[in-house]
Amino acid sequence: MTLRFSWAPLAGALALLLPVAAAAAAEPAQLTALDADLLGHDSATLVLDRWCERLHLADPATVVADRVTGTDKPVPAAVRAQLKADAQVPIGYRRVRLLCGSSILSEADNWYVPGRLKPEMNRTLETSDAAFGRVVGPLGIHRRTLSHMRLRLPQPIRANSPVLEHRTVLETADGTPISFVVESYQGILLGAR
């Protein structure tokens, strides 16, 4: 008895997968560019301003913070360690969504040390939706990235899908840590709608 093998079902399956593979290959290039841009600059807000403009998400292309209230999180011990703040040092917390127009570009949990900021900076953070990076920018901040992770990309990528996560410490020019941030960047930055 002779067994016959047909390539037709395999060829059909491959034909279905090629468009998906091509799309997946194109999207990581944008993700790589976004990740590199964030890693190469001290202000995520300014990076997002440029991406907002490049993607024509709003006019003017300015990122604003939308504070999410009523969501305080306890300060993890690892965050205190990164901030070099013992249990007696007060820690502030802000959860924000960074928007360009009506598009959510990222969401962030931010623990910060109010005692290391100027009083007017603390007032602004407590009473407005100003982005943290814009408020503390005059301190000459530097981002020290602890980790950056590309998240599993759904197919198709949706605008509100988290695609990238950064964990960073913001430090002053002399290396004093002022903030620990967990940032989740959204698929809209890859052109998803």
Protein backbone atom coordinates (compact mmCIF):
# COMPACT_ATOMS: atom_id res chain seq x y z
CA MET A 1 0.00 0.00 0.00
CA THR A 2 1.37 3.39 -0.99
CA LEU A 3 0.70 6.42 1.17
CA ARG A 4 0.26 9.71 -0.58
CA PHE A 5 0.96 13.03 1.05
CA SER A 6 -0.66 16.21 -0.13
CA TRP A 7 0.98 19.58 0.43
CA ALA A 8 -2.26 21.45 -0.34
CA PRO A 9 -3.57 21.71 3.27
CA LEU A 10 -0.17 22.87 4.53
CA ALA A 11 0.17 25.42 1.71
CA GLY A 12 -3.32 26.73 2.50
CA ALA A 13 -2.49 27.11 6.20
CA LEU A 14 0.76 28.92 5.37
CA ALA A 15 -1.08 31.30 3.05
CA LEU A 16 -3.38 32.21 5.93
CA LEU A 17 -0.47 32.80 8.31
CA LEU A 18 1.70 34.96 6.02
CA PRO A 19 -0.35 38.19 6.43
CA VAL A 20 -0.32 37.72 10.21
CA ALA A 21 3.44 37.13 10.21
CA ALA A 22 4.01 40.18 8.01
CA ALA A 23 1.93 42.38 10.33
CA ALA A 24 3.72 41.01 13.39
CA ALA A 25 7.10 41.73 11.76
CA ALA A 26 6.14 45.35 11.02
CA GLU A 27 4.76 46.17 14.47
CA PRO A 28 7.84 45.27 16.51
CA ALA A 29 9.85 47.82 14.48
CA GLN A 30 7.56 50.57 15.78
CA LEU A 31 7.70 49.06 19.24
CA THR A 32 11.49 48.93 19.08
CA ALA A 33 11.58 52.59 18.02
CA LEU A 34 9.23 53.63 20.86
CA ASP A 35 11.24 51.67 23.43
CA ALA A 36 14.53 53.15 22.21
CA ASP A 37 13.08 56.67 22.19
CA LEU A 38 11.91 56.31 25.80
CA LEU A 39 15.22 54.78 26.88
CA GLY A 40 17.17 57.57 25.20
CA HIS A 41 15.43 60.52 26.86
CA ASP A 42 14.91 61.79 30.39
CA SER A 43 11.30 62.88 29.89
CA ALA A 44 8.70 60.32 28.82
CA THR A 45 6.20 63.19 28.52
CA LEU A 46 8.33 64.97 25.90
CA VAL A 47 8.82 61.69 24.00
CA LEU A 48 5.05 61.19 23.99
CA ASP A 49 4.54 64.77 22.77
CA ARG A 50 6.63 63.91 19.69
CA TRP A 51 4.84 60.60 19.08
CA CYS A 52 1.48 62.33 19.44
CA GLU A 53 2.51 64.84 16.79
CA ARG A 54 3.98 62.18 14.49
CA LEU A 55 0.75 60.15 14.68
CA HIS A 56 -1.47 63.25 14.27
CA LEU A 57 -3.51 62.36 17.35
CA ALA A 58 -4.39 65.94 18.31
CA ASP A 59 -3.76 69.54 17.39
CA PRO A 60 -1.93 70.83 19.31
CA ALA A 61 0.01 67.63 19.99
CA THR A 62 0.43 68.13 23.73
CA VAL A 63 0.32 65.38 26.32
CA VAL A 64 -1.68 66.02 29.47
CA ALA A 65 -2.14 63.90 32.57
CA ASP A 66 -5.58 62.70 33.60
CA ARG A 67 -5.36 61.88 37.30
CA VAL A 68 -7.19 58.78 38.41
CA THR A 69 -8.36 59.53 41.93
CA GLY A 70 -9.42 57.15 44.68
CA THR A 71 -6.88 54.51 43.67
CA ASP A 72 -4.11 54.94 46.25
CA LYS A 73 -1.77 52.00 46.43
CA PRO A 74 0.44 51.10 49.38
CA VAL A 75 4.14 51.74 48.96
CA PRO A 76 5.91 48.43 48.27
CA ALA A 77 9.14 47.86 50.17
CA ALA A 78 11.02 47.62 46.84
CA VAL A 79 9.77 51.11 45.92
CA ARG A 80 10.97 52.55 49.25
CA ALA A 81 14.34 50.89 48.68
CA GLN A 82 14.67 52.42 45.19
CA LEU A 83 13.66 55.83 46.57
CA LYS A 84 16.10 55.42 49.49
CA ALA A 85 13.27 56.34 51.84
CA ASP A 86 12.73 54.55 55.15
CA ALA A 87 9.30 54.01 56.70
CA GLN A 88 9.31 57.48 58.32
CA VAL A 89 9.65 59.32 54.97
CA PRO A 90 6.23 60.31 53.54
CA ILE A 91 5.60 59.02 50.02
CA GLY A 92 3.05 60.56 47.64
CA TYR A 93 1.15 58.57 45.03
CA ARG A 94 -0.44 59.51 41.70
CA ARG A 95 -2.08 57.29 39.13
CA VAL A 96 -2.44 59.01 35.77
CA ARG A 97 -3.38 58.37 32.19
CA LEU A 98 -1.31 60.43 29.77
CA LEU A 99 -3.56 61.68 26.98
CA CYS A 100 -3.06 63.32 23.62
CA GLY A 101 -6.45 64.69 22.70
CA SER A 102 -8.81 61.88 23.65
CA SER A 103 -6.24 59.11 23.04
CA ILE A 104 -4.69 57.33 26.04
CA LEU A 105 -0.97 56.95 25.33
CA SER A 106 0.09 55.48 28.66
CA GLU A 107 -1.00 54.75 32.20
CA ALA A 108 1.34 55.18 35.14
CA ASP A 109 1.62 54.50 38.85
CA ASN A 110 3.95 57.06 40.39
CA TRP A 111 5.27 57.02 43.97
CA TYR A 112 7.27 60.13 44.82
CA VAL A 113 8.96 61.82 47.78
CA PRO A 114 7.21 65.21 48.36
CA GLY A 115 9.98 66.34 50.75
CA ARG A 116 12.46 66.28 47.85
CA LEU A 117 10.35 68.60 45.68
CA LYS A 118 9.76 72.33 45.88
CA PRO A 119 6.54 73.34 47.70
CA GLU A 120 5.02 74.80 44.52
CA MET A 121 5.70 71.51 42.72
CA ASN A 122 3.82 69.59 45.40
CA ARG A 123 0.89 72.04 45.18
CA THR A 124 0.74 71.58 41.42
CA LEU A 125 0.87 67.78 41.71
CA GLU A 126 -1.87 67.77 44.35
CA THR A 127 -4.21 70.22 42.64
CA SER A 128 -3.79 69.75 38.89
CA ASP A 129 -3.57 67.25 36.07
CA ALA A 130 -0.08 68.43 35.08
CA ALA A 131 2.24 65.64 33.98
CA PHE A 132 4.80 64.78 36.67
CA GLY A 133 7.73 65.17 34.26
CA ARG A 134 6.67 68.69 33.32
CA VAL A 135 6.26 69.69 36.97
CA VAL A 136 9.63 68.39 38.17
CA GLY A 137 11.55 69.18 34.97
CA PRO A 138 13.21 72.28 36.51
CA LEU A 139 15.04 69.94 38.91
CA GLY A 140 17.07 68.60 35.97
CA ILE A 141 15.68 65.09 36.28
CA HIS A 142 17.26 61.99 34.83
CA ARG A 143 15.44 58.70 34.14
CA ARG A 144 17.15 55.56 35.38
CA THR A 145 15.35 52.62 33.77
CA LEU A 146 15.19 49.55 35.98
CA SER A 147 13.37 47.40 33.43
CA HIS A 148 11.61 47.65 30.11
CA MET A 149 9.48 44.83 28.82
CA ARG A 150 7.61 44.37 25.58
CA LEU A 151 4.26 42.88 26.35
CA ARG A 152 2.55 40.17 24.32
CA LEU A 153 0.94 41.85 21.33
CA PRO A 154 -2.64 40.83 20.59
CA GLN A 155 -3.55 40.42 16.93
CA PRO A 156 -4.81 42.77 15.81
CA ILE A 157 -3.25 45.31 18.13
CA ARG A 158 -5.90 47.55 19.65
CA ALA A 159 -5.41 51.20 20.58
CA ASN A 160 -5.96 50.48 24.27
CA SER A 161 -3.77 47.34 24.41
CA PRO A 162 -0.74 47.66 26.70
CA VAL A 163 2.32 46.95 24.53
CA LEU A 164 5.30 48.10 26.60
CA GLU A 165 6.08 48.51 30.30
CA HIS A 166 8.86 50.59 31.82
CA ARG A 167 9.89 50.74 35.47
CA THR A 168 11.99 53.80 36.15
CA VAL A 169 13.41 55.93 38.91
CA LEU A 170 13.50 59.68 38.35
CA GLU A 171 16.54 61.30 39.93
CA THR A 172 17.77 64.85 40.33
CA ALA A 173 21.06 65.93 38.75
CA ASP A 174 22.94 64.87 41.91
CA GLY A 175 21.42 61.36 41.81
CA THR A 176 18.76 61.85 44.52
CA PRO A 177 15.77 59.64 43.70
CA ILE A 178 12.46 61.54 43.71
CA SER A 179 10.05 59.16 42.01
CA PHE A 180 9.46 55.51 41.13
CA VAL A 181 7.20 55.02 38.11
CA VAL A 182 5.58 52.00 36.46
CA GLU A 183 4.50 53.06 32.96
CA SER A 184 2.33 51.04 30.59
CA TYR A 185 2.37 52.28 26.98
CA GLN A 186 -0.62 51.63 24.73
CA GLY A 187 -1.12 50.26 21.21
CA ILE A 188 -2.24 53.65 19.89
CA LEU A 189 1.48 54.52 19.80
CA LEU A 190 1.98 51.77 17.22
CA GLY A 191 -0.69 53.26 14.99
CA ALA A 192 -3.52 51.02 16.22
CA ARG A 193 -6.98 52.55 16.20
